[in-house]
Amino acid sequence: MAHSQFDIFLNEATYPDQASDSSLDRDRLYGLYTSWCLINEQQPGTESSFWAAMKHRISPRRNGLRMKGPAAADYILTSYPGLV
C-alpha cells in the first residue's frame, strides 16, 4: 500500500505525546511540513490541501503531536534565526 506524502511527513517529522498538555498548533504543524518538504526535495501541497488531508489523520483540536528529526531542526532554526 502506497503512503501519501502527508503520511510519510507525519511518520518522519512528528510523534504522538498524549501525556503532554501541549501540541503543535496549526501554524507550527504547517511550518514543520514545509520544512520537511524542503529537506526531502518535495513540492509542498497548498495549505488548504494540507489541512484537508490532516482532517482525516489527526485531531484538529488537541493533536498531541511533537516535532522530531531534521525537519524539526530546520523549522526551529528558520523560525528563530537568533539561535544560530
C-alpha atoms as a PDB file:
ATOM      1  CA  MET A   1       0.000   0.000   0.000  1.00  0.00           C
ATOM      2  CA  ALA A   2       1.416   3.368  -1.017  1.00  0.00           C
ATOM      3  CA  HIS A   3       1.633   6.039   1.637  1.00  0.00           C
ATOM      4  CA  SER A   4       0.859   9.612   0.774  1.00  0.00           C
ATOM      5  CA  GLN A   5       3.290  12.458   1.233  1.00  0.00           C
ATOM      6  CA  PHE A   6       1.263  13.508   4.277  1.00  0.00           C
ATOM      7  CA  ASP A   7       1.511  10.077   5.921  1.00  0.00           C
ATOM      8  CA  ILE A   8       5.262   9.985   5.377  1.00  0.00           C
ATOM      9  CA  PHE A   9       5.587  13.515   6.775  1.00  0.00           C
ATOM     10  CA  LEU A  10       3.667  12.596   9.938  1.00  0.00           C
ATOM     11  CA  ASN A  11       5.781   9.465  10.393  1.00  0.00           C
ATOM     12  CA  GLU A  12       9.154  11.146   9.836  1.00  0.00           C
ATOM     13  CA  ALA A  13       8.639  14.568  11.416  1.00  0.00           C
ATOM     14  CA  THR A  14       6.178  14.066  14.285  1.00  0.00           C
ATOM     15  CA  TYR A  15       5.471  11.757  17.179  1.00  0.00           C
ATOM     16  CA  PRO A  16       2.459  11.499  19.459  1.00  0.00           C
ATOM     17  CA  ASP A  17       2.864  12.666  23.043  1.00  0.00           C
ATOM     18  CA  GLN A  18      -0.551  12.273  24.625  1.00  0.00           C
ATOM     19  CA  ALA A  19       0.886  12.807  28.112  1.00  0.00           C
ATOM     20  CA  SER A  20       1.861  16.390  27.286  1.00  0.00           C
ATOM     21  CA  ASP A  21      -0.506  19.301  27.755  1.00  0.00           C
ATOM     22  CA  SER A  22       0.855  20.979  24.642  1.00  0.00           C
ATOM     23  CA  SER A  23       0.764  20.034  20.999  1.00  0.00           C
ATOM     24  CA  LEU A  24       1.610  21.595  17.656  1.00  0.00           C
ATOM     25  CA  ASP A  25      -0.734  24.383  16.668  1.00  0.00           C
ATOM     26  CA  ARG A  26      -1.839  24.887  13.064  1.00  0.00           C
ATOM     27  CA  ASP A  27       0.922  27.341  12.121  1.00  0.00           C
ATOM     28  CA  ARG A  28       3.707  25.222  13.565  1.00  0.00           C
ATOM     29  CA  LEU A  29       2.422  21.994  12.045  1.00  0.00           C
ATOM     30  CA  TYR A  30       2.177  23.508   8.570  1.00  0.00           C
ATOM     31  CA  GLY A  31       5.584  25.177   9.016  1.00  0.00           C
ATOM     32  CA  LEU A  32       7.074  21.831  10.009  1.00  0.00           C
ATOM     33  CA  TYR A  33       5.504  20.287   6.918  1.00  0.00           C
ATOM     34  CA  THR A  34       7.067  22.909   4.631  1.00  0.00           C
ATOM     35  CA  SER A  35      10.468  22.339   6.280  1.00  0.00           C
ATOM     36  CA  TRP A  36      10.058  18.588   5.786  1.00  0.00           C
ATOM     37  CA  CYS A  37       9.210  19.151   2.107  1.00  0.00           C
ATOM     38  CA  LEU A  38      12.275  21.372   1.615  1.00  0.00           C
ATOM     39  CA  ILE A  39      14.624  18.833   3.204  1.00  0.00           C
ATOM     40  CA  ASN A  40      13.119  15.954   1.214  1.00  0.00           C
ATOM     41  CA  GLU A  41      13.006  17.878  -2.068  1.00  0.00           C
ATOM     42  CA  GLN A  42       9.227  17.515  -2.238  1.00  0.00           C
ATOM     43  CA  GLN A  43       6.814  20.082  -3.598  1.00  0.00           C
ATOM     44  CA  PRO A  44       4.614  21.127  -0.668  1.00  0.00           C
ATOM     45  CA  GLY A  45       0.882  20.993  -1.114  1.00  0.00           C
ATOM     46  CA  THR A  46      -1.156  24.109  -0.597  1.00  0.00           C
ATOM     47  CA  GLU A  47      -2.152  24.931   2.944  1.00  0.00           C
ATOM     48  CA  SER A  48      -5.762  24.059   2.152  1.00  0.00           C
ATOM     49  CA  SER A  49      -4.813  20.635   0.734  1.00  0.00           C
ATOM     50  CA  PHE A  50      -2.602  20.020   3.763  1.00  0.00           C
ATOM     51  CA  TRP A  51      -5.462  20.703   6.180  1.00  0.00           C
ATOM     52  CA  ALA A  52      -7.891  18.672   4.115  1.00  0.00           C
ATOM     53  CA  ALA A  53      -5.503  15.713   4.384  1.00  0.00           C
ATOM     54  CA  MET A  54      -4.828  16.272   8.088  1.00  0.00           C
ATOM     55  CA  LYS A  55      -8.569  16.304   8.830  1.00  0.00           C
ATOM     56  CA  HIS A  56      -8.562  12.533   8.275  1.00  0.00           C
ATOM     57  CA  ARG A  57      -5.305  11.871  10.120  1.00  0.00           C
ATOM     58  CA  ILE A  58      -5.170  13.949  13.310  1.00  0.00           C
ATOM     59  CA  SER A  59      -7.495  15.569  15.785  1.00  0.00           C
ATOM     60  CA  PRO A  60      -7.993  19.220  14.856  1.00  0.00           C
ATOM     61  CA  ARG A  61      -8.182  20.422  18.460  1.00  0.00           C
ATOM     62  CA  ARG A  62      -5.515  18.747  20.542  1.00  0.00           C
ATOM     63  CA  ASN A  63      -3.444  16.628  18.195  1.00  0.00           C
ATOM     64  CA  GLY A  64      -0.812  15.651  20.785  1.00  0.00           C
ATOM     65  CA  LEU A  65       1.936  15.872  18.169  1.00  0.00           C
ATOM     66  CA  ARG A  66       5.513  16.938  18.805  1.00  0.00           C
ATOM     67  CA  MET A  67       8.312  17.657  16.323  1.00  0.00           C
ATOM     68  CA  LYS A  68      11.191  15.308  15.619  1.00  0.00           C
ATOM     69  CA  GLY A  69      14.015  14.820  13.163  1.00  0.00           C
ATOM     70  CA  PRO A  70      15.792  17.066  10.667  1.00  0.00           C
ATOM     71  CA  ALA A  71      12.599  18.916   9.707  1.00  0.00           C
ATOM     72  CA  ALA A  72      12.157  19.967  13.341  1.00  0.00           C
ATOM     73  CA  ALA A  73      15.687  21.357  13.460  1.00  0.00           C
ATOM     74  CA  ASP A  74      15.193  23.189  10.161  1.00  0.00           C
ATOM     75  CA  TYR A  75      11.857  24.627  11.279  1.00  0.00           C
ATOM     76  CA  ILE A  76      13.242  25.834  14.614  1.00  0.00           C
ATOM     77  CA  LEU A  77      16.337  27.420  13.074  1.00  0.00           C
ATOM     78  CA  THR A  78      14.280  29.087  10.349  1.00  0.00           C
ATOM     79  CA  SER A  79      11.659  30.355  12.782  1.00  0.00           C
ATOM     80  CA  TYR A  80      14.135  31.634  15.356  1.00  0.00           C
ATOM     81  CA  PRO A  81      17.193  32.918  13.440  1.00  0.00           C
ATOM     82  CA  GLY A  82      18.706  34.375  16.610  1.00  0.00           C
ATOM     83  CA  LEU A  83      19.532  30.847  17.740  1.00  0.00           C
ATOM     84  CA  VAL A  84      22.239  30.438  15.101  1.00  0.00           C
END
